[in-house]
Protein backbone atom coordinates (compact mmCIF):
# COMPACT_ATOMS: atom_id res chain seq x y z
CA MET A 1 182.78 84.21 -77.18
CA SER A 2 180.07 83.17 -79.67
CA LYS A 3 176.50 82.51 -78.49
CA LYS A 4 176.50 78.44 -78.74
CA GLU A 5 179.39 79.27 -75.89
CA MET A 6 177.37 81.45 -73.74
CA ARG A 7 176.58 80.17 -70.42
CA ILE A 8 173.09 80.44 -68.52
CA LEU A 9 173.79 81.70 -64.99
CA SER A 10 171.99 81.72 -61.79
CA THR A 11 172.21 84.95 -59.08
CA ASP A 12 173.47 82.60 -56.41
CA GLU A 13 176.20 81.60 -58.94
CA ILE A 14 177.05 84.76 -60.06
CA ALA A 15 177.67 86.28 -56.34
CA LYS A 16 180.39 83.67 -55.38
CA HIS A 17 182.66 85.31 -57.89
CA ASN A 18 183.52 88.86 -56.00
CA LYS A 19 187.17 88.81 -55.47
CA PRO A 20 189.68 90.81 -57.19
CA ASP A 21 190.83 87.51 -58.79
CA ASP A 22 187.66 85.93 -60.02
CA LEU A 23 185.50 89.11 -60.60
CA TRP A 24 182.09 88.87 -62.28
CA VAL A 25 179.27 91.54 -62.74
CA ILE A 26 175.86 91.98 -63.98
CA ILE A 27 175.40 94.46 -66.59
CA ASP A 28 171.72 94.55 -68.12
CA ALA A 29 170.63 90.46 -67.68
CA LYS A 30 174.05 89.80 -68.91
CA VAL A 31 177.54 88.16 -67.10
CA TYR A 32 180.92 89.84 -67.74
CA ASP A 33 184.01 88.47 -66.43
CA LEU A 34 186.45 91.54 -65.53
CA SER A 35 189.13 89.19 -63.46
CA ARG A 36 191.84 89.90 -65.36
CA PHE A 37 190.43 94.04 -66.25
CA ALA A 38 189.99 95.39 -63.11
CA GLU A 39 193.35 96.11 -62.32
CA MET A 40 192.92 97.95 -65.87
CA HIS A 41 190.03 99.88 -65.50
CA PRO A 42 190.21 103.67 -65.85
CA GLY A 43 188.30 104.42 -63.27
CA GLY A 44 190.89 102.31 -60.63
CA ALA A 45 190.32 98.70 -59.57
CA ALA A 46 188.17 99.75 -56.14
CA VAL A 47 184.89 100.90 -58.09
CA LEU A 48 185.22 97.04 -58.87
CA TYR A 49 185.55 95.44 -55.99
CA ASP A 50 182.61 97.36 -54.18
CA PRO A 51 180.53 95.07 -52.28
CA GLU A 52 177.66 96.42 -54.33
CA VAL A 53 179.26 96.22 -57.62
CA ALA A 54 181.30 92.92 -57.38
CA GLY A 55 179.03 89.54 -58.45
CA GLN A 56 176.11 91.82 -58.00
CA ASP A 57 174.06 93.47 -60.24
CA ALA A 58 175.96 96.81 -61.10
CA THR A 59 173.31 98.13 -64.32
CA ASP A 60 172.72 101.46 -62.54
CA ALA A 61 176.05 101.89 -61.46
CA PHE A 62 177.68 101.23 -65.01
CA PHE A 63 175.12 103.72 -66.67
CA GLY A 64 175.88 106.25 -64.14
CA LEU A 65 179.56 106.79 -65.28
CA HIS A 66 178.91 105.55 -68.60
CA ARG A 67 177.62 105.65 -72.02
CA MET A 68 175.80 102.37 -73.38
CA GLU A 69 178.33 102.21 -76.31
CA VAL A 70 180.94 101.37 -74.37
CA LEU A 71 179.51 97.63 -74.29
CA LEU A 72 180.17 97.69 -77.88
CA ARG A 73 183.51 98.31 -78.13
CA PRO A 74 185.01 94.87 -79.22
CA GLN A 75 187.87 95.19 -76.54
CA TYR A 76 185.04 95.01 -74.03
CA LYS A 77 182.32 92.72 -75.25
CA ARG A 78 185.16 90.11 -75.01
CA PHE A 79 184.87 90.11 -71.06
CA LEU A 80 180.94 88.75 -72.35
CA ILE A 81 180.57 85.10 -70.74
CA GLY A 82 177.04 84.75 -70.31
CA THR A 83 173.17 85.95 -69.24
CA VAL A 84 171.41 85.46 -65.86
CA GLN A 85 168.94 82.67 -65.71
CA GLY A 86 165.19 83.70 -65.91
CA GLU A 87 166.56 87.61 -66.84
CA GLU A 88 166.22 89.83 -70.31
CA SER A 89 168.02 92.70 -71.26
CA LYS A 90 166.14 96.05 -70.55
CA ILE A 91 168.29 98.79 -71.98
CA ILE A 92 167.38 99.84 -75.70
CA PHE A 93 170.44 99.54 -77.58
CA PRO A 94 169.12 101.74 -80.97
CA LYS A 95 169.90 100.08 -84.58
CA PRO A 96 171.14 101.81 -87.44
CA GLY A 97 168.27 103.66 -88.20
CA ASP A 98 165.83 103.66 -85.75
CA ILE A 99 163.87 106.24 -84.56
CA SER A 100 164.27 107.21 -80.94
CA GLN A 101 161.54 106.36 -78.20
CA VAL A 102 162.44 109.70 -76.34
CA PRO A 103 159.93 112.37 -75.99
CA TYR A 104 160.82 115.13 -78.21
CA ALA A 105 164.24 113.27 -79.29
CA GLU A 106 162.58 113.46 -82.63
CA PRO A 107 160.61 116.44 -84.85
CA THR A 108 157.28 115.71 -84.17
CA TRP A 109 156.42 114.67 -88.10
CA LEU A 110 158.50 111.26 -87.15
CA ASN A 111 157.00 110.30 -84.06
CA GLU A 112 154.41 107.31 -84.27
CA GLY A 113 150.71 108.42 -84.55
CA TYR A 114 151.82 112.04 -85.12
CA TYR A 115 150.62 113.85 -88.64
CA SER A 116 152.28 116.55 -90.76
CA PRO A 117 150.92 118.64 -93.10
CA TYR A 118 154.46 118.93 -95.23
CA PHE A 119 156.16 115.61 -94.69
CA THR A 120 154.78 112.67 -97.38
CA GLU A 121 155.07 108.86 -96.99
CA ASN A 122 158.04 109.43 -99.37
CA HIS A 123 159.66 111.73 -97.19
CA ARG A 124 159.63 108.84 -94.30
CA GLN A 125 161.05 106.22 -96.43
CA PHE A 126 163.21 109.05 -97.66
CA GLN A 127 164.36 109.87 -93.92
CA LEU A 128 164.70 106.37 -92.43
CA ALA A 129 167.39 105.42 -95.68
CA VAL A 130 169.12 108.71 -94.88
CA ARG A 131 169.23 107.69 -91.33
CA LYS A 132 170.43 104.05 -91.50
CA PHE A 133 172.90 105.57 -94.02
CA VAL A 134 174.72 108.20 -91.74
CA ASP A 135 174.07 105.69 -88.69
CA GLU A 136 176.40 102.85 -90.44
CA TYR A 137 179.07 105.35 -92.35
CA VAL A 138 178.60 108.75 -91.33
CA THR A 139 179.10 108.81 -87.33
CA PRO A 140 181.80 106.41 -86.75
CA ASP A 141 183.81 108.30 -88.97
CA ALA A 142 182.71 111.55 -87.49
CA HIS A 143 183.31 110.68 -83.78
CA ASP A 144 186.69 109.21 -84.64
CA ARG A 145 187.47 112.42 -86.85
CA GLU A 146 186.83 114.54 -84.05
CA GLU A 147 189.25 112.54 -81.78
CA ASP A 148 192.17 112.46 -84.30
CA GLY A 149 191.41 116.24 -85.67
CA LYS A 150 191.57 114.91 -89.43
CA ARG A 151 189.68 115.97 -92.65
CA PRO A 152 186.40 113.63 -92.95
CA SER A 153 187.35 109.98 -94.75
CA GLN A 154 187.39 109.93 -98.26
CA SER A 155 185.91 106.67 -98.03
CA VAL A 156 182.76 108.11 -96.43
CA PHE A 157 182.86 111.02 -98.91
CA ASP A 158 182.76 108.15 -101.79
CA LYS A 159 179.62 106.18 -100.23
CA MET A 160 177.97 109.72 -100.01
CA ALA A 161 178.16 109.77 -103.63
CA GLU A 162 177.33 106.74 -104.54
CA MET A 163 173.81 107.64 -103.08
CA GLU A 164 174.28 111.12 -104.93
CA MET A 165 173.67 112.98 -101.75
CA HIS A 166 176.77 115.70 -102.43
CA ALA A 167 174.09 116.55 -105.43
CA MET A 168 171.46 116.98 -102.87
CA ARG A 169 172.61 118.73 -100.04
CA LEU A 170 172.65 121.36 -102.74
CA GLY A 171 168.66 121.14 -102.61
CA PRO A 172 166.37 120.65 -105.68
CA GLY A 173 167.64 121.91 -109.25
CA LYS A 174 168.63 121.39 -112.90
CA HIS A 175 172.10 119.80 -110.85
CA LEU A 176 170.12 116.69 -109.90
CA LYS A 177 168.33 115.35 -113.79
CA GLY A 178 169.60 111.95 -114.95
CA ARG A 179 171.00 111.26 -111.04
CA LYS A 180 169.77 108.36 -109.26
CA LEU A 181 168.91 109.75 -105.60
CA MET A 182 169.15 107.60 -102.53
CA GLY A 183 169.29 104.66 -104.76
CA GLY A 184 166.30 105.76 -106.84
CA LEU A 185 163.75 106.10 -103.71
CA VAL A 186 162.89 109.88 -104.92
CA ASP A 187 162.73 111.39 -108.47
CA PRO A 188 165.09 114.20 -109.24
CA GLU A 189 162.04 116.34 -110.28
CA LYS A 190 160.38 115.54 -106.89
CA PHE A 191 162.91 116.29 -104.80
CA ASP A 192 161.85 119.38 -102.82
CA TYR A 193 163.50 121.36 -99.62
CA PHE A 194 162.00 119.05 -97.18
CA HIS A 195 164.22 116.05 -98.91
CA GLU A 196 167.34 118.40 -98.02
CA LEU A 197 166.28 119.24 -94.60
CA ILE A 198 166.24 115.61 -93.85
CA ILE A 199 169.39 115.08 -95.07
CA THR A 200 170.98 118.15 -93.29
CA GLN A 201 169.14 117.39 -89.97
CA GLU A 202 170.40 113.29 -90.23
CA LEU A 203 173.84 114.58 -90.45
CA ALA A 204 173.89 117.02 -87.73
CA ARG A 205 172.68 113.83 -85.47
CA THR A 206 176.14 112.56 -85.24
CA GLY A 207 176.78 115.34 -82.39
CA SER A 208 180.15 116.12 -84.39
CA ARG A 209 180.41 120.06 -84.98
CA GLY A 210 183.64 120.73 -86.40
CA TYR A 211 183.21 117.36 -88.97
CA GLY A 212 179.46 118.75 -90.03
CA ASP A 213 181.30 121.80 -91.50
CA GLY A 214 184.11 119.36 -92.71
CA MET A 215 181.86 116.87 -94.48
CA LEU A 216 182.01 119.72 -97.47
CA GLY A 217 180.70 122.50 -95.73
CA GLY A 218 182.30 124.30 -98.25
CA MET A 219 180.55 123.38 -101.13
CA VAL A 220 177.24 123.76 -99.79
CA ILE A 221 177.63 127.27 -99.98
CA GLY A 222 180.99 127.27 -102.89
CA LEU A 223 179.28 125.48 -105.44
CA PRO A 224 176.11 127.32 -105.91
CA PRO A 225 177.91 130.50 -107.31
CA VAL A 226 179.50 127.93 -109.98
CA LEU A 227 176.54 126.38 -110.65
CA ASN A 228 173.96 129.43 -111.09
CA PHE A 229 176.71 131.68 -112.74
CA GLY A 230 179.46 129.53 -114.14
CA SER A 231 180.07 129.30 -117.71
CA GLU A 232 179.28 126.11 -119.45
CA GLU A 233 183.31 125.04 -119.67
CA VAL A 234 183.92 126.15 -116.34
CA LYS A 235 180.83 123.68 -114.88
CA ARG A 236 182.07 121.01 -117.02
CA MET A 237 185.25 121.19 -115.50
CA VAL A 238 184.47 121.57 -111.78
CA VAL A 239 180.91 120.20 -111.03
CA PRO A 240 181.21 116.65 -112.05
CA ASP A 241 184.80 115.98 -109.86
CA VAL A 242 183.12 117.63 -106.35
CA LEU A 243 179.82 116.33 -106.56
CA ALA A 244 181.36 112.72 -106.96
CA GLY A 245 183.21 114.07 -104.15
CA LYS A 246 186.95 113.45 -105.80
CA LYS A 247 187.23 117.73 -105.66
CA PHE A 248 186.73 120.20 -103.14
CA ILE A 249 185.82 123.53 -102.97
CA CYS A 250 184.64 126.33 -100.69
CA LEU A 251 183.69 129.63 -100.67
CA ALA A 252 186.36 132.70 -100.10
CA ILE A 253 184.78 135.84 -99.10
CA SER A 254 185.69 136.59 -95.11
CA GLU A 255 188.51 138.33 -94.70
CA ALA A 256 190.34 140.32 -91.32
CA PHE A 257 189.32 143.60 -92.09
CA ALA A 258 185.70 142.82 -93.55
CA GLY A 259 183.17 139.47 -92.38
CA SER A 260 179.26 140.72 -92.73
CA ASP A 261 180.70 143.69 -94.65
CA VAL A 262 181.10 142.15 -98.32
CA ALA A 263 181.52 145.45 -99.68
CA GLY A 264 184.89 146.46 -97.59
CA LEU A 265 186.58 143.45 -99.13
CA ARG A 266 190.21 144.05 -99.70
CA CYS A 267 191.36 141.30 -101.90
CA THR A 268 191.98 142.20 -105.38
CA ALA A 269 191.72 141.42 -108.67
CA VAL A 270 193.48 143.16 -111.87
CA LYS A 271 193.00 142.17 -115.19
CA SER A 272 196.86 141.04 -117.10
CA GLU A 273 197.59 143.92 -119.77
CA ASP A 274 196.71 141.63 -122.39
CA GLY A 275 193.11 141.12 -121.04
CA LYS A 276 193.23 137.52 -120.17
CA GLU A 277 194.05 136.95 -116.81
CA TRP A 278 192.95 138.08 -113.53
CA ILE A 279 195.94 138.81 -111.36
CA ILE A 280 194.59 138.21 -107.49
CA ASN A 281 196.40 139.41 -104.58
CA GLY A 282 195.22 139.46 -101.01
CA THR A 283 194.18 137.40 -97.95
CA LYS A 284 190.97 135.80 -96.46
CA LYS A 285 190.26 134.34 -93.27
CA TRP A 286 188.07 131.74 -91.57
CA ILE A 287 187.47 129.57 -94.87
CA THR A 288 185.70 126.46 -94.10
CA ASN A 289 187.30 123.20 -96.05
CA GLY A 290 190.03 125.81 -97.09
CA THR A 291 193.12 123.91 -96.21
CA PHE A 292 192.24 120.99 -98.35
CA ALA A 293 189.85 122.62 -101.00
CA ASP A 294 191.05 122.15 -104.80
CA TRP A 295 188.78 125.16 -106.01
CA PHE A 296 187.95 128.51 -104.49
CA THR A 297 185.05 130.70 -104.93
CA VAL A 298 186.51 134.10 -103.72
CA GLY A 299 185.00 137.45 -103.53
CA CYS A 300 187.38 139.99 -105.19
CA LYS A 301 187.69 144.06 -105.18
CA THR A 302 187.48 145.55 -109.02
CA GLU A 303 187.89 148.84 -110.55
CA GLY A 304 183.87 148.50 -110.82
CA GLY A 305 183.06 147.10 -107.61
CA LEU A 306 182.82 143.48 -106.57
CA THR A 307 183.41 140.44 -108.82
CA VAL A 308 183.59 136.55 -107.42
CA ILE A 309 186.49 134.47 -109.29
CA LEU A 310 186.77 131.01 -109.63
CA VAL A 311 190.18 130.26 -108.47
CA PRO A 312 192.31 126.40 -108.38
CA ARG A 313 194.78 125.74 -106.14
CA CYS A 314 198.01 126.78 -108.00
CA GLU A 315 201.29 128.77 -107.60
CA GLY A 316 201.06 131.96 -105.37
CA LEU A 317 197.90 130.07 -103.90
CA GLN A 318 198.56 128.78 -99.87
CA THR A 319 196.49 127.92 -97.29
CA LYS A 320 197.52 127.39 -93.28
CA GLN A 321 194.86 126.01 -90.94
CA ILE A 322 193.45 128.60 -88.56
CA LYS A 323 193.31 126.61 -85.07
CA THR A 324 189.51 127.63 -84.07
CA SER A 325 187.56 126.52 -80.37
CA TYR A 326 185.10 124.27 -82.54
CA SER A 327 187.16 121.00 -84.72
CA PRO A 328 190.29 121.43 -87.12
CA THR A 329 188.25 118.63 -89.08
CA ALA A 330 186.40 121.36 -90.70
CA GLY A 331 189.50 122.72 -92.48
CA THR A 332 188.92 126.45 -91.16
CA ALA A 333 191.52 128.25 -93.33
CA TYR A 334 193.81 131.45 -93.61
CA ILE A 335 194.33 131.79 -97.77
CA LYS A 336 196.99 134.17 -98.95
CA PHE A 337 197.09 134.75 -102.90
CA ASP A 338 200.15 136.28 -104.16
CA ASN A 339 199.75 137.46 -107.60
CA VAL A 340 197.49 134.55 -108.19
CA ARG A 341 196.86 134.40 -112.35
CA VAL A 342 193.33 132.47 -113.22
CA PRO A 343 191.78 133.05 -116.77
CA VAL A 344 188.75 135.17 -117.23
CA GLY A 345 186.69 133.09 -118.15
CA TYR A 346 187.06 132.00 -114.79
CA THR A 347 184.81 135.14 -113.56
CA LEU A 348 181.62 134.01 -112.21
CA GLY A 349 178.42 136.27 -113.15
CA PRO A 350 179.30 139.48 -114.48
CA GLU A 351 182.28 141.49 -114.06
CA ASP A 352 181.66 144.41 -111.02
CA GLY A 353 178.47 142.35 -110.13
CA GLY A 354 179.71 139.86 -107.68
CA LEU A 355 177.62 140.90 -105.17
CA LEU A 356 174.72 139.98 -106.61
CA VAL A 357 176.31 136.35 -107.12
CA ILE A 358 177.26 136.21 -102.99
CA LEU A 359 174.27 137.53 -102.00
CA SER A 360 171.83 135.25 -104.10
CA ASN A 361 173.07 132.40 -101.94
CA PHE A 362 172.60 134.23 -98.59
CA ASN A 363 168.88 132.46 -98.54
CA HIS A 364 170.00 128.74 -98.71
CA GLU A 365 172.82 129.26 -96.86
CA ARG A 366 171.78 130.28 -93.25
CA TRP A 367 168.34 128.00 -94.57
CA VAL A 368 170.85 125.15 -93.96
CA MET A 369 172.66 126.67 -90.71
CA CYS A 370 168.78 126.91 -89.34
CA CYS A 371 168.27 123.27 -90.42
CA ALA A 372 171.56 121.80 -88.70
CA SER A 373 171.09 123.92 -85.54
CA ALA A 374 167.44 122.89 -85.37
CA ARG A 375 168.36 119.13 -84.97
CA SER A 376 171.54 120.43 -82.77
CA GLN A 377 169.11 121.39 -80.29
CA ARG A 378 167.28 118.99 -80.31
CA HIS A 379 170.31 116.02 -79.79
CA VAL A 380 170.64 117.62 -76.72
CA VAL A 381 167.58 117.50 -75.43
CA GLU A 382 167.28 113.95 -75.91
CA GLU A 383 170.95 113.89 -74.13
CA CYS A 384 169.28 115.76 -70.87
CA LEU A 385 166.39 113.61 -70.63
CA LYS A 386 168.27 110.52 -71.00
CA TRP A 387 170.47 111.87 -68.17
CA ALA A 388 167.99 113.16 -66.19
CA HIS A 389 166.13 109.60 -66.37
CA GLN A 390 168.82 107.64 -65.19
CA ARG A 391 171.10 109.83 -62.98
CA LYS A 392 170.49 109.41 -59.12
CA ALA A 393 171.09 112.68 -57.01
CA PHE A 394 169.68 112.75 -53.09
CA GLY A 395 167.92 109.88 -53.49
CA LYS A 396 166.17 110.13 -56.50
CA PRO A 397 166.17 110.90 -60.34
CA LEU A 398 167.40 114.27 -61.77
CA THR A 399 163.79 114.45 -63.25
CA GLY A 400 162.33 114.96 -59.40
CA GLN A 401 164.12 118.32 -59.18
CA ALA A 402 162.06 120.63 -60.01
CA ILE A 403 164.53 123.09 -61.41
CA ILE A 404 165.78 120.50 -63.84
CA ARG A 405 162.28 119.89 -64.94
CA ALA A 406 162.04 123.91 -65.57
CA LYS A 407 165.27 123.74 -67.71
CA LEU A 408 164.23 120.59 -69.77
CA ALA A 409 160.61 122.38 -70.09
CA GLN A 410 162.74 125.57 -71.55
CA MET A 411 164.90 123.73 -73.66
CA ILE A 412 161.80 121.55 -75.35
CA SER A 413 160.19 124.75 -75.91
CA ARG A 414 162.63 126.35 -77.82
CA VAL A 415 163.18 123.16 -80.10
CA GLU A 416 159.93 122.92 -80.80
CA ALA A 417 159.31 126.87 -81.80
CA VAL A 418 162.32 127.02 -83.83
CA GLN A 419 161.31 123.29 -85.49
CA SER A 420 158.02 124.48 -86.01
CA TRP A 421 158.88 128.04 -88.03
CA LEU A 422 161.72 126.03 -89.65
CA GLU A 423 159.06 123.78 -91.34
CA ALA A 424 156.53 126.97 -92.01
CA VAL A 425 159.70 128.49 -94.29
CA THR A 426 160.68 125.42 -95.60
CA TYR A 427 156.89 125.23 -97.19
CA GLN A 428 157.57 128.93 -98.56
CA MET A 429 160.55 127.65 -100.21
CA CYS A 430 158.88 124.66 -102.05
CA HIS A 431 156.44 126.86 -103.54
CA MET A 432 158.43 130.05 -104.28
CA SER A 433 161.44 130.14 -107.42
CA TYR A 434 164.62 131.55 -106.38
CA LYS A 435 164.21 135.19 -107.10
CA GLN A 436 160.88 134.81 -105.09
CA GLN A 437 162.54 133.58 -102.22
CA SER A 438 164.82 136.40 -102.25
CA SER A 439 162.39 139.13 -102.41
CA LYS A 440 159.96 137.36 -99.72
CA LEU A 441 161.71 135.34 -97.49
CA ALA A 442 165.59 136.97 -97.08
CA GLY A 443 164.17 138.57 -93.63
CA GLN A 444 162.39 135.69 -92.53
CA ILE A 445 165.27 133.09 -92.60
CA ALA A 446 167.24 136.47 -91.09
CA PHE A 447 165.23 136.46 -88.16
CA LEU A 448 165.05 132.40 -87.86
CA LYS A 449 168.58 132.46 -88.50
CA MET A 450 169.03 134.64 -85.34
CA PHE A 451 166.61 132.87 -83.71
CA CYS A 452 168.20 129.36 -83.92
CA THR A 453 171.44 130.84 -82.62
CA LYS A 454 169.87 132.50 -79.80
CA THR A 455 167.73 129.32 -78.47
CA ALA A 456 170.82 127.34 -78.93
CA GLN A 457 173.30 128.83 -76.83
CA GLN A 458 170.39 128.87 -74.10
CA THR A 459 170.18 125.38 -74.23
CA ALA A 460 173.95 124.75 -74.55
CA GLU A 461 174.13 126.75 -71.09
CA GLU A 462 171.49 125.15 -69.59
CA ALA A 463 172.54 121.44 -70.61
CA THR A 464 175.81 121.95 -69.05
CA GLN A 465 174.11 122.80 -65.30
CA VAL A 466 172.17 119.45 -66.08
CA PHE A 467 175.14 117.46 -66.47
CA GLY A 468 177.23 119.46 -63.76
CA GLY A 469 181.04 118.61 -64.52
CA ARG A 470 180.09 116.23 -67.09
CA GLY A 471 179.33 118.78 -69.00
CA ILE A 472 182.99 120.11 -69.25
CA THR A 473 184.59 117.27 -69.93
CA ARG A 474 185.58 116.32 -73.17
CA THR A 475 185.00 112.27 -73.14
CA GLY A 476 182.08 109.64 -71.12
CA MET A 477 178.32 111.17 -69.95
CA GLY A 478 178.71 114.69 -71.20
CA ARG A 479 180.62 114.43 -74.58
CA PHE A 480 178.06 115.64 -76.68
CA ILE A 481 177.28 118.40 -74.34
CA GLU A 482 180.86 119.24 -73.93
CA HIS A 483 181.87 119.29 -77.60
CA TYR A 484 178.06 121.30 -78.11
CA HIS A 485 178.81 124.25 -75.40
CA ARG A 486 181.95 124.72 -76.57
CA THR A 487 181.03 125.17 -80.80
CA VAL A 488 177.54 126.23 -80.41
CA PRO A 489 179.13 130.12 -80.54
CA PHE A 490 180.19 129.41 -84.37
CA ASP A 491 176.80 129.11 -85.44
CA SER A 492 175.91 132.58 -84.31
CA LEU A 493 178.87 134.13 -86.33
CA LEU A 494 178.35 131.65 -89.49
CA GLY A 495 176.34 133.78 -92.82
CA GLY A 496 176.14 136.68 -90.75
CA ALA A 497 176.56 137.49 -86.88
CA GLU A 498 172.85 137.80 -85.10
CA ASP A 499 172.55 141.45 -84.70
CA VAL A 500 173.40 142.07 -88.39
CA LEU A 501 170.54 139.59 -89.15
CA ALA A 502 168.33 141.00 -87.05
CA ASP A 503 168.88 144.85 -88.42
CA LEU A 504 168.63 143.06 -91.87
CA GLY A 505 165.05 141.37 -90.73
CA VAL A 506 163.45 144.39 -89.79
CA ARG A 507 164.92 146.70 -92.65
CA GLN A 508 163.34 144.77 -94.99
CA ALA A 509 160.06 145.01 -93.02
CA MET A 510 160.22 148.32 -92.75
CA ARG A 511 160.97 148.81 -96.90
CA LYS A 512 157.29 146.79 -97.67
CA ILE A 513 155.30 149.15 -94.89
CA PRO A 514 153.05 150.69 -96.83
CA GLU A 515 153.41 154.56 -97.30
CA ASN A 516 149.85 155.26 -95.79
CA THR A 517 150.05 153.11 -92.86
CA ARG A 518 149.23 154.76 -90.08
CA LEU A 519 147.98 154.18 -85.94
């Protein structure tokens, strides 16, 4: 019904329509005719026939059971027939790009009236543009793909390529030269890690963990070895199509026999008799984006050590989807190499020097995970604050319960600590070369990643308690909480398990203690 046809109705008139075959309700000052829908209502018709709902203001009842996006679905918008005389809508329906007004729902630097030593006006303009883009193009696809289990839509990859978002997700560097970033909003030479942090955190706001990895998580960790260690010929062959979203790449390191223990890899590569090709045999497991990748950055055991080789999807290479607890949209794969032959020129970095190639990207990989984890935790905090504000129990909102307030306090404290530490590390990254980062920040980033994933799991547990049964239901009010609780353990394993990273951080610290230090 168009705005011209919308009727202005009095509450007395609306109250007359309270019968099964003539049923109107008020939701947020809008009038809906549910006469033909009542018997199809998923929750049963009896809920709608309730005297406190039929012909009455059912706003509280509705938002006690449904998320606001239900009202925006086309199949339900058609029931809208008018507005209530003398009343105005009070519920906030966010528009693409909006900043949340819920306390602690945004990092402090995004809140009006607050300041930051790290983020400039350009960062703020960039954030608004990225959020609007993600809200309009990425989030709807993320929610649909989490439902049907398919990989992210090619149309979204194409739109991201138009904005050069694939290139920006790899961080600052020469690969950005000559590119028009976010429609020219930021110069390639001025693009820094805070810009990249913004992109990663805005993508995390979709609340779709598997989709987040499917959104070229494999590229973020699989393409840097090509950029940093590949020959010019290899880079010309691979990089343009990957950054254009036309071809896909992943990092294939982990095996059933070796995860964090990179030196224990069993996948082998030996040279052909003429020395012109590598012949690769073995398997890889838990490879993000592997099911739909065109290129594979593969760690192989060679005669003198470990070598990283770029492998195209070709004869002898088979991929099989692994069913994980989080989502098929990530394209997690088991890969088998059966006498796969690739040119020796596809070697990335020095032969037998692959450990350096792999380790060189770990800092950035873990930092990206921290960016996403911090923002995902904040999304959960916002969901819990909203729910506690609107949900009534024992005659008052959940916020009236001291135990709920205590849980919210812990969640907020953790997410603020994570974000503050993350921003401090990011500032150091902006002022260090890649080599300096490897030397000075490896331990800090390892600790930060461990801290992020531990706090994330604590928040997931408490959020489930706040939402109760809804927190373990895949649809409805608690769907983001259920999804987060189910998928968050995966973060604690990627980039190195928590205990491994904790030990790495301590070992790095011990190596730097002055020899003559004493109590």
